[in-house]
Amino acid sequence: MKRIYLLIIALTVTCAASAQSLQLSGITITGDPAWLLEGHAIVENVSSSPVDVIVERVVDNTFPGHESYFCWVQCYPSFISVAPDPITLMPGDTTSAFRGDLEPNGITGISEVTYCFYDNNNSADSVCVKYTYSGTTGLEDIPANKNFVSKPYPNPATDHISFSYNLASAGSSAELRFYNMLGSQVKTVVLNETRATKKININDLKSGLYFYTLIINGKNISSNKLMINKN
């Protein structure tokens, strides 16, 4: 079940000495502290002229295993830190299009990510906010009688991935099966413990998109996707 968490505002900065065109409000964090936390903010143009607003992630001190990315016009992958497309705000206009996401991936730890909103024609005209995200393992919230497997992390991955999982019954026969885009099974990992986090070596898999399935006692329980990038 998702829970709502108030944002710990560690830092709010206006980056120029003169009056600013942009103002932030509605700053919150919502979501599940095990799998996805969403930072929100409403951006307002408080000037008398149109402003083409760009978002930049200028600080990304993420806890190992956590992944941050953001949405502005569209959602961007974690390796993009500056939105390529601005949103034009007329005087007095607001937008809630921004979302600063963090995937804790079932890992306990604190991540801090700063986002700056600025005029595309004047980068000194800006306002920034620092989000503090608190991730948890999530396994504590999974009932002992529920079959469960987390998202893989990191994702995209290079040489290894980790999963947190829970098996409803001790002694169940369980495994993760990996399939390529053609549907061919390319890897199988046996899960010997009832409740654990497992690290898996994937050096034997090439770059590309894969799907994985949790199989328990011969039955397909859940499936998801994994991206491997060796570059």
Protein backbone atom coordinates (compact mmCIF):
# COMPACT_ATOMS: atom_id res chain seq x y z
CA MET A 1 0.00 0.00 0.00
CA LYS A 2 1.35 3.41 -0.90
CA ARG A 3 1.97 5.89 1.86
CA ILE A 4 2.37 9.66 1.80
CA TYR A 5 5.50 11.29 3.19
CA LEU A 6 6.02 15.01 3.71
CA LEU A 7 9.13 16.41 2.09
CA ILE A 8 12.07 17.27 4.30
CA ILE A 9 13.10 20.54 2.66
CA ALA A 10 16.83 20.45 3.23
CA LEU A 11 17.46 23.40 0.94
CA THR A 12 15.51 25.92 -1.09
CA VAL A 13 17.71 28.37 -3.00
CA THR A 14 17.09 31.31 -5.30
CA CYS A 15 20.17 31.60 -7.45
CA ALA A 16 20.31 35.31 -8.32
CA ALA A 17 20.37 38.49 -6.29
CA SER A 18 17.62 40.18 -8.32
CA ALA A 19 13.91 39.41 -8.24
CA GLN A 20 13.14 35.97 -9.67
CA SER A 21 10.58 35.04 -12.30
CA LEU A 22 9.82 31.59 -10.87
CA GLN A 23 8.37 30.44 -7.60
CA LEU A 24 7.83 26.93 -6.18
CA SER A 25 4.96 25.67 -4.06
CA GLY A 26 3.23 22.38 -3.26
CA ILE A 27 6.56 20.70 -2.50
CA THR A 28 5.92 17.15 -1.30
CA ILE A 29 7.13 13.57 -1.61
CA THR A 30 4.61 10.79 -2.10
CA GLY A 31 4.86 7.08 -2.81
CA ASP A 32 6.20 3.84 -1.44
CA PRO A 33 9.58 4.13 0.34
CA ALA A 34 10.58 0.67 -0.86
CA TRP A 35 9.93 0.93 -4.59
CA LEU A 36 9.11 4.46 -5.81
CA LEU A 37 9.14 7.93 -4.24
CA GLU A 38 7.84 10.90 -6.22
CA GLY A 39 8.96 14.48 -5.55
CA HIS A 40 6.39 17.07 -6.57
CA ALA A 41 6.45 20.85 -6.99
CA ILE A 42 4.23 23.45 -8.63
CA VAL A 43 6.17 25.98 -10.69
CA GLU A 44 4.70 29.47 -11.10
CA ASN A 45 5.73 32.39 -13.31
CA VAL A 46 5.47 35.40 -10.98
CA SER A 47 6.93 37.85 -13.53
CA SER A 48 5.16 40.04 -16.08
CA SER A 49 6.73 38.28 -19.08
CA PRO A 50 6.55 34.75 -20.56
CA VAL A 51 9.24 32.36 -19.31
CA ASP A 52 10.53 29.23 -21.06
CA VAL A 53 11.20 26.99 -18.06
CA ILE A 54 13.89 24.32 -18.05
CA VAL A 55 14.64 21.79 -15.29
CA GLU A 56 18.16 20.70 -14.38
CA ARG A 57 19.25 18.10 -11.85
CA VAL A 58 22.36 19.68 -10.38
CA VAL A 59 22.97 17.40 -7.39
CA ASP A 60 22.52 13.63 -7.45
CA ASN A 61 23.97 12.14 -4.26
CA THR A 62 22.06 8.90 -4.40
CA PHE A 63 22.54 6.02 -1.99
CA PRO A 64 24.10 2.96 -3.71
CA GLY A 65 21.34 1.03 -5.47
CA HIS A 66 18.94 4.00 -5.58
CA GLU A 67 18.05 5.48 -8.97
CA SER A 68 16.76 9.00 -9.65
CA TYR A 69 15.13 10.44 -12.75
CA PHE A 70 12.62 13.17 -13.49
CA CYS A 71 9.67 14.13 -15.66
CA TRP A 72 9.22 17.48 -17.46
CA VAL A 73 7.11 17.38 -20.62
CA GLN A 74 8.07 13.68 -20.61
CA CYS A 75 9.97 11.34 -18.31
CA TYR A 76 13.71 11.03 -18.87
CA PRO A 77 16.12 8.20 -17.99
CA SER A 78 18.55 8.51 -15.10
CA PHE A 79 21.52 9.53 -17.28
CA ILE A 80 19.78 12.75 -18.45
CA SER A 81 20.14 15.68 -16.04
CA VAL A 82 18.80 18.58 -18.13
CA ALA A 83 15.36 18.58 -19.75
CA PRO A 84 15.84 19.17 -23.49
CA ASP A 85 12.44 20.86 -23.91
CA PRO A 86 11.15 23.91 -22.00
CA ILE A 87 7.62 24.58 -20.83
CA THR A 88 6.44 28.11 -21.61
CA LEU A 89 4.64 29.79 -18.71
CA MET A 90 2.75 33.00 -19.33
CA PRO A 91 2.61 35.59 -16.51
CA GLY A 92 0.73 34.08 -13.57
CA ASP A 93 0.68 30.58 -15.10
CA THR A 94 1.55 27.47 -13.08
CA THR A 95 2.47 23.92 -14.00
CA SER A 96 2.56 20.70 -12.01
CA ALA A 97 4.28 18.81 -14.84
CA PHE A 98 7.44 18.27 -12.80
CA ARG A 99 8.08 15.01 -10.97
CA GLY A 100 11.39 14.04 -9.39
CA ASP A 101 11.35 10.28 -8.97
CA LEU A 102 13.59 8.07 -6.90
CA GLU A 103 13.51 4.28 -6.98
CA PRO A 104 14.96 2.91 -3.70
CA ASN A 105 14.72 -0.58 -5.23
CA GLY A 106 14.14 -2.14 -1.84
CA ILE A 107 17.34 -0.68 -0.34
CA THR A 108 17.41 1.18 2.96
CA GLY A 109 19.22 4.51 2.68
CA ILE A 110 18.93 8.28 2.25
CA SER A 111 19.26 9.99 -1.13
CA GLU A 112 19.38 13.73 -1.75
CA VAL A 113 18.64 15.18 -5.17
CA THR A 114 18.51 18.87 -6.09
CA TYR A 115 16.50 20.25 -9.00
CA CYS A 116 16.77 23.77 -10.41
CA PHE A 117 14.12 25.48 -12.53
CA TYR A 118 15.34 28.35 -14.68
CA ASP A 119 14.55 30.65 -17.57
CA ASN A 120 15.96 29.05 -20.72
CA ASN A 121 17.01 32.54 -21.88
CA ASN A 122 18.59 33.51 -18.56
CA SER A 123 19.98 30.65 -16.47
CA ALA A 124 20.72 33.05 -13.58
CA ASP A 125 16.97 33.52 -13.15
CA SER A 126 16.35 30.31 -11.24
CA VAL A 127 15.00 28.63 -8.15
CA CYS A 128 16.16 25.30 -6.71
CA VAL A 129 14.87 22.72 -4.28
CA LYS A 130 16.64 19.81 -2.62
CA TYR A 131 14.64 16.65 -1.96
CA THR A 132 15.61 14.20 0.77
CA TYR A 133 14.29 10.70 0.04
CA SER A 134 14.29 7.93 2.65
CA GLY A 135 14.23 4.44 1.16
CA THR A 136 13.48 1.20 3.00
CA THR A 137 13.92 -2.48 2.22
CA GLY A 138 10.21 -3.03 1.85
CA LEU A 139 10.45 -6.69 2.81
CA GLU A 140 9.26 -5.78 6.30
CA ASP A 141 5.97 -4.70 4.74
CA ILE A 142 5.49 -7.90 2.74
CA PRO A 143 3.29 -10.44 4.56
CA ALA A 144 5.00 -13.77 5.23
CA ASN A 145 2.23 -15.57 3.31
CA LYS A 146 2.69 -13.57 0.09
CA ASN A 147 4.85 -14.44 -2.91
CA PHE A 148 6.82 -11.39 -3.97
CA VAL A 149 9.81 -10.29 -6.04
CA SER A 150 11.04 -6.69 -6.32
CA LYS A 151 12.19 -4.81 -9.38
CA PRO A 152 15.82 -5.52 -10.28
CA TYR A 153 18.44 -3.01 -9.27
CA PRO A 154 20.33 -1.40 -10.79
CA ASN A 155 18.24 -1.20 -13.95
CA PRO A 156 19.79 -0.70 -16.51
CA ALA A 157 22.48 -3.07 -15.25
CA THR A 158 26.00 -3.88 -16.38
CA ASP A 159 27.51 -6.88 -14.60
CA HIS A 160 25.15 -7.74 -11.75
CA ILE A 161 21.62 -7.19 -10.47
CA SER A 162 19.92 -7.71 -7.13
CA PHE A 163 16.40 -8.75 -6.18
CA SER A 164 14.51 -8.81 -2.90
CA TYR A 165 11.97 -11.60 -2.70
CA ASN A 166 9.60 -13.43 -0.40
CA LEU A 167 8.13 -16.94 -0.74
CA ALA A 168 4.78 -17.66 0.87
CA SER A 169 5.72 -21.21 1.89
CA ALA A 170 9.01 -22.53 3.20
CA GLY A 171 10.35 -25.35 1.07
CA SER A 172 8.74 -24.06 -2.13
CA SER A 173 10.58 -24.73 -5.37
CA ALA A 174 11.35 -21.24 -6.69
CA GLU A 175 13.48 -19.72 -9.43
CA LEU A 176 13.89 -16.66 -11.59
CA ARG A 177 13.88 -17.31 -15.31
CA PHE A 178 15.26 -14.78 -17.77
CA TYR A 179 14.10 -14.50 -21.38
CA ASN A 180 15.38 -12.48 -24.34
CA MET A 181 13.19 -10.51 -26.75
CA LEU A 182 12.64 -13.63 -28.86
CA GLY A 183 11.18 -15.47 -25.89
CA SER A 184 14.11 -17.84 -25.47
CA GLN A 185 15.08 -18.69 -21.90
CA VAL A 186 18.67 -17.52 -21.39
CA LYS A 187 19.26 -17.85 -17.65
CA THR A 188 17.79 -19.53 -14.55
CA VAL A 189 18.55 -18.65 -10.93
CA VAL A 190 17.34 -20.93 -8.13
CA LEU A 191 16.01 -19.19 -4.99
CA ASN A 192 16.91 -21.31 -1.98
CA GLU A 193 15.82 -19.05 0.88
CA THR A 194 12.29 -18.11 1.89
CA ARG A 195 13.00 -14.38 2.31
CA ALA A 196 16.17 -12.71 1.06
CA THR A 197 17.95 -10.27 -1.22
CA LYS A 198 19.91 -12.05 -3.94
CA LYS A 199 22.75 -10.66 -6.07
CA ILE A 200 23.04 -12.22 -9.52
CA ASN A 201 25.98 -12.11 -11.92
CA ILE A 202 24.83 -11.21 -15.46
CA ASN A 203 28.19 -11.07 -17.24
CA ASP A 204 26.96 -13.96 -19.38
CA LEU A 205 24.15 -11.85 -20.87
CA LYS A 206 24.62 -9.38 -23.73
CA SER A 207 23.29 -5.83 -23.87
CA GLY A 208 19.59 -5.62 -24.56
CA LEU A 209 16.10 -5.89 -23.10
CA TYR A 210 15.17 -9.00 -21.13
CA PHE A 211 12.14 -10.24 -19.25
CA TYR A 212 12.27 -12.17 -16.00
CA THR A 213 9.63 -14.32 -14.36
CA LEU A 214 9.29 -15.60 -10.81
CA ILE A 215 8.35 -19.31 -10.98
CA ILE A 216 7.12 -21.04 -7.81
CA ASN A 217 6.24 -24.73 -7.82
CA GLY A 218 6.06 -24.58 -11.60
CA LYS A 219 3.64 -21.62 -11.71
CA ASN A 220 4.27 -18.19 -13.19
CA ILE A 221 3.85 -15.71 -10.31
CA SER A 222 5.01 -12.37 -11.74
CA SER A 223 7.05 -10.92 -14.58
CA ASN A 224 8.91 -7.70 -15.33
CA LYS A 225 11.63 -6.35 -17.59
CA LEU A 226 15.35 -5.73 -17.23
CA MET A 227 17.68 -3.64 -19.40
CA ILE A 228 21.35 -4.65 -19.67
CA ASN A 229 23.80 -2.08 -20.99
CA LYS A 230 27.46 -3.13 -21.35
CA ASN A 231 28.54 0.21 -22.89
